[in-house]
Amino acid sequence: MTINETQNEIIDEFADLTDWMDRYAYIIELGTQLPPLDADQKVPANLIEGCQSRVWIASDRLPDGRIRFVADSDAMIVKGIVTLLLRVLSDRTPDEILGADLYFIDKIGLSDHLSPTRSNGLVAMVRQIRNYALAYKALEQK
């Protein structure tokens, strides 16, 4: 499934949830499905700066060049948000990640319904994922 197909699937899931309390509940439910991060990955190097909550994102380069992300947070709503990001961007190539237009964020209304600090955190998470992609791309080019 492509990044856009995954985003469209997420948009469809949220389309049936017209009330924002239902959407928040669904995002929190998604967060409960995120596997816990190993303690050795909850290190300062994986901690996202600019988030109100503590969020860790780690990555591994798979043998075929795709990047797999794992993450965790101490806030349930943030766990759900990072779950959505990983669903769209994990197991993709650096070029796919760097070329992605993450339109699902606006389409499901996240941009309009997050507090300014949560919005800043979302931007920081996306930026870190893209930074990982840039780093892996640079390694490929060596």
Protein backbone atom coordinates (compact mmCIF):
# COMPACT_ATOMS: atom_id res chain seq x y z
CA MET A 1 0.00 0.00 0.00
CA THR A 2 1.38 3.45 -0.90
CA ILE A 3 1.66 6.37 1.50
CA ASN A 4 -1.34 8.05 -0.12
CA GLU A 5 -3.40 4.87 0.01
CA THR A 6 -2.63 4.57 3.71
CA GLN A 7 -3.53 8.22 4.27
CA ASN A 8 -6.82 7.76 2.41
CA GLU A 9 -7.60 4.71 4.54
CA ILE A 10 -7.06 6.80 7.69
CA ILE A 11 -9.25 9.59 6.30
CA ASP A 12 -12.00 7.05 5.62
CA GLU A 13 -11.75 5.70 9.18
CA PHE A 14 -12.19 9.19 10.59
CA ALA A 15 -15.02 10.12 8.21
CA ASP A 16 -17.51 8.13 10.26
CA LEU A 17 -16.47 9.95 13.44
CA THR A 18 -18.15 13.33 13.17
CA ASP A 19 -17.87 14.32 16.84
CA TRP A 20 -14.40 15.36 18.01
CA MET A 21 -14.78 13.54 21.30
CA ASP A 22 -15.23 10.34 19.26
CA ARG A 23 -12.15 11.20 17.20
CA TYR A 24 -10.07 11.80 20.32
CA ALA A 25 -11.30 8.50 21.76
CA TYR A 26 -10.31 6.72 18.54
CA ILE A 27 -6.86 8.33 18.53
CA ILE A 28 -6.37 7.26 22.15
CA GLU A 29 -7.52 3.73 21.24
CA LEU A 30 -4.93 3.65 18.45
CA GLY A 31 -2.29 4.64 20.99
CA THR A 32 -3.11 1.63 23.14
CA GLN A 33 -2.11 -0.58 20.21
CA LEU A 34 1.41 0.91 20.00
CA PRO A 35 3.89 -1.65 21.35
CA PRO A 36 5.97 -0.28 24.24
CA LEU A 37 9.41 0.92 23.35
CA ASP A 38 12.35 -1.00 24.78
CA ALA A 39 14.04 0.81 27.65
CA ASP A 40 17.31 0.98 25.69
CA GLN A 41 15.51 3.05 23.04
CA LYS A 42 14.10 5.55 25.55
CA VAL A 43 17.31 7.55 25.49
CA PRO A 44 17.84 11.30 25.09
CA ALA A 45 18.98 10.83 21.48
CA ASN A 46 15.51 9.49 20.58
CA LEU A 47 13.57 12.05 22.60
CA ILE A 48 11.72 14.57 20.43
CA GLU A 49 12.43 18.18 21.30
CA GLY A 50 9.49 20.56 21.16
CA CYS A 51 6.82 18.19 22.45
CA GLN A 52 4.77 18.96 25.53
CA SER A 53 4.81 15.25 26.35
CA ARG A 54 7.78 12.95 26.27
CA VAL A 55 7.98 11.25 22.88
CA TRP A 56 10.67 8.92 21.64
CA ILE A 57 11.10 7.88 18.02
CA ALA A 58 13.77 5.39 16.99
CA SER A 59 14.53 3.89 13.62
CA ASP A 60 16.23 0.98 11.92
CA ARG A 61 17.23 0.61 8.31
CA LEU A 62 15.96 -2.64 6.88
CA PRO A 63 18.12 -4.67 4.45
CA ASP A 64 16.03 -3.49 1.47
CA GLY A 65 16.63 0.18 2.36
CA ARG A 66 13.26 0.88 3.95
CA ILE A 67 13.15 2.53 7.37
CA ARG A 68 11.20 1.04 10.24
CA PHE A 69 10.20 3.38 13.04
CA VAL A 70 9.23 2.57 16.60
CA ALA A 71 7.94 5.11 19.08
CA ASP A 72 6.42 5.70 22.47
CA SER A 73 5.02 8.54 24.54
CA ASP A 74 3.92 9.17 28.08
CA ALA A 75 0.64 10.73 26.86
CA MET A 76 -2.11 8.58 25.37
CA ILE A 77 -3.31 11.12 22.79
CA VAL A 78 0.28 11.57 21.60
CA LYS A 79 0.74 7.79 21.40
CA GLY A 80 -2.27 7.73 19.09
CA ILE A 81 -0.92 10.55 16.93
CA VAL A 82 2.49 8.91 16.61
CA THR A 83 0.74 5.62 15.80
CA LEU A 84 -0.90 7.35 12.83
CA LEU A 85 2.42 8.82 11.71
CA LEU A 86 4.15 5.45 11.91
CA ARG A 87 1.31 3.78 10.04
CA VAL A 88 1.87 6.21 7.16
CA LEU A 89 5.67 6.54 7.21
CA SER A 90 7.19 3.39 8.70
CA ASP A 91 8.51 0.70 6.36
CA ARG A 92 9.07 3.24 3.58
CA THR A 93 12.15 4.29 1.68
CA PRO A 94 13.87 7.57 2.51
CA ASP A 95 12.65 9.03 -0.80
CA GLU A 96 9.06 8.03 -0.07
CA ILE A 97 9.23 9.66 3.35
CA LEU A 98 10.90 12.82 2.08
CA GLY A 99 8.43 13.14 -0.80
CA ALA A 100 5.32 12.53 1.30
CA ASP A 101 2.65 15.19 1.52
CA LEU A 102 1.03 14.35 4.85
CA TYR A 103 -2.40 15.64 3.89
CA PHE A 104 -4.24 13.26 6.23
CA ILE A 105 -3.34 15.51 9.19
CA ASP A 106 -5.49 18.34 7.81
CA LYS A 107 -8.15 16.08 6.30
CA ILE A 108 -8.98 14.40 9.62
CA GLY A 109 -8.95 17.77 11.39
CA LEU A 110 -5.92 17.25 13.61
CA SER A 111 -4.45 20.62 12.67
CA ASP A 112 -7.58 22.43 13.83
CA HIS A 113 -8.22 20.46 17.02
CA LEU A 114 -4.84 20.14 18.68
CA SER A 115 -3.60 22.64 21.22
CA PRO A 116 -0.70 24.82 20.02
CA THR A 117 1.77 22.80 22.09
CA ARG A 118 0.46 19.49 20.68
CA SER A 119 0.61 20.95 17.15
CA ASN A 120 4.22 21.96 17.74
CA GLY A 121 4.91 18.43 18.95
CA LEU A 122 3.34 16.94 15.84
CA VAL A 123 5.54 19.15 13.66
CA ALA A 124 8.58 18.09 15.69
CA MET A 125 7.73 14.39 15.27
CA VAL A 126 7.35 14.75 11.50
CA ARG A 127 10.58 16.73 11.32
CA GLN A 128 12.47 14.01 13.24
CA ILE A 129 11.10 11.25 11.01
CA ARG A 130 12.21 13.24 7.96
CA ASN A 131 15.61 13.83 9.56
CA TYR A 132 16.04 10.08 9.97
CA ALA A 133 15.12 9.66 6.29
CA LEU A 134 17.68 12.31 5.27
CA ALA A 135 20.37 10.60 7.32
CA TYR A 136 19.66 7.17 5.85
CA LYS A 137 19.55 8.64 2.35
CA ALA A 138 22.97 10.19 2.91
CA LEU A 139 24.30 6.81 4.02
CA GLU A 140 22.94 5.20 0.85
CA GLN A 141 24.74 7.73 -1.30
CA LYS A 142 28.14 7.02 0.22
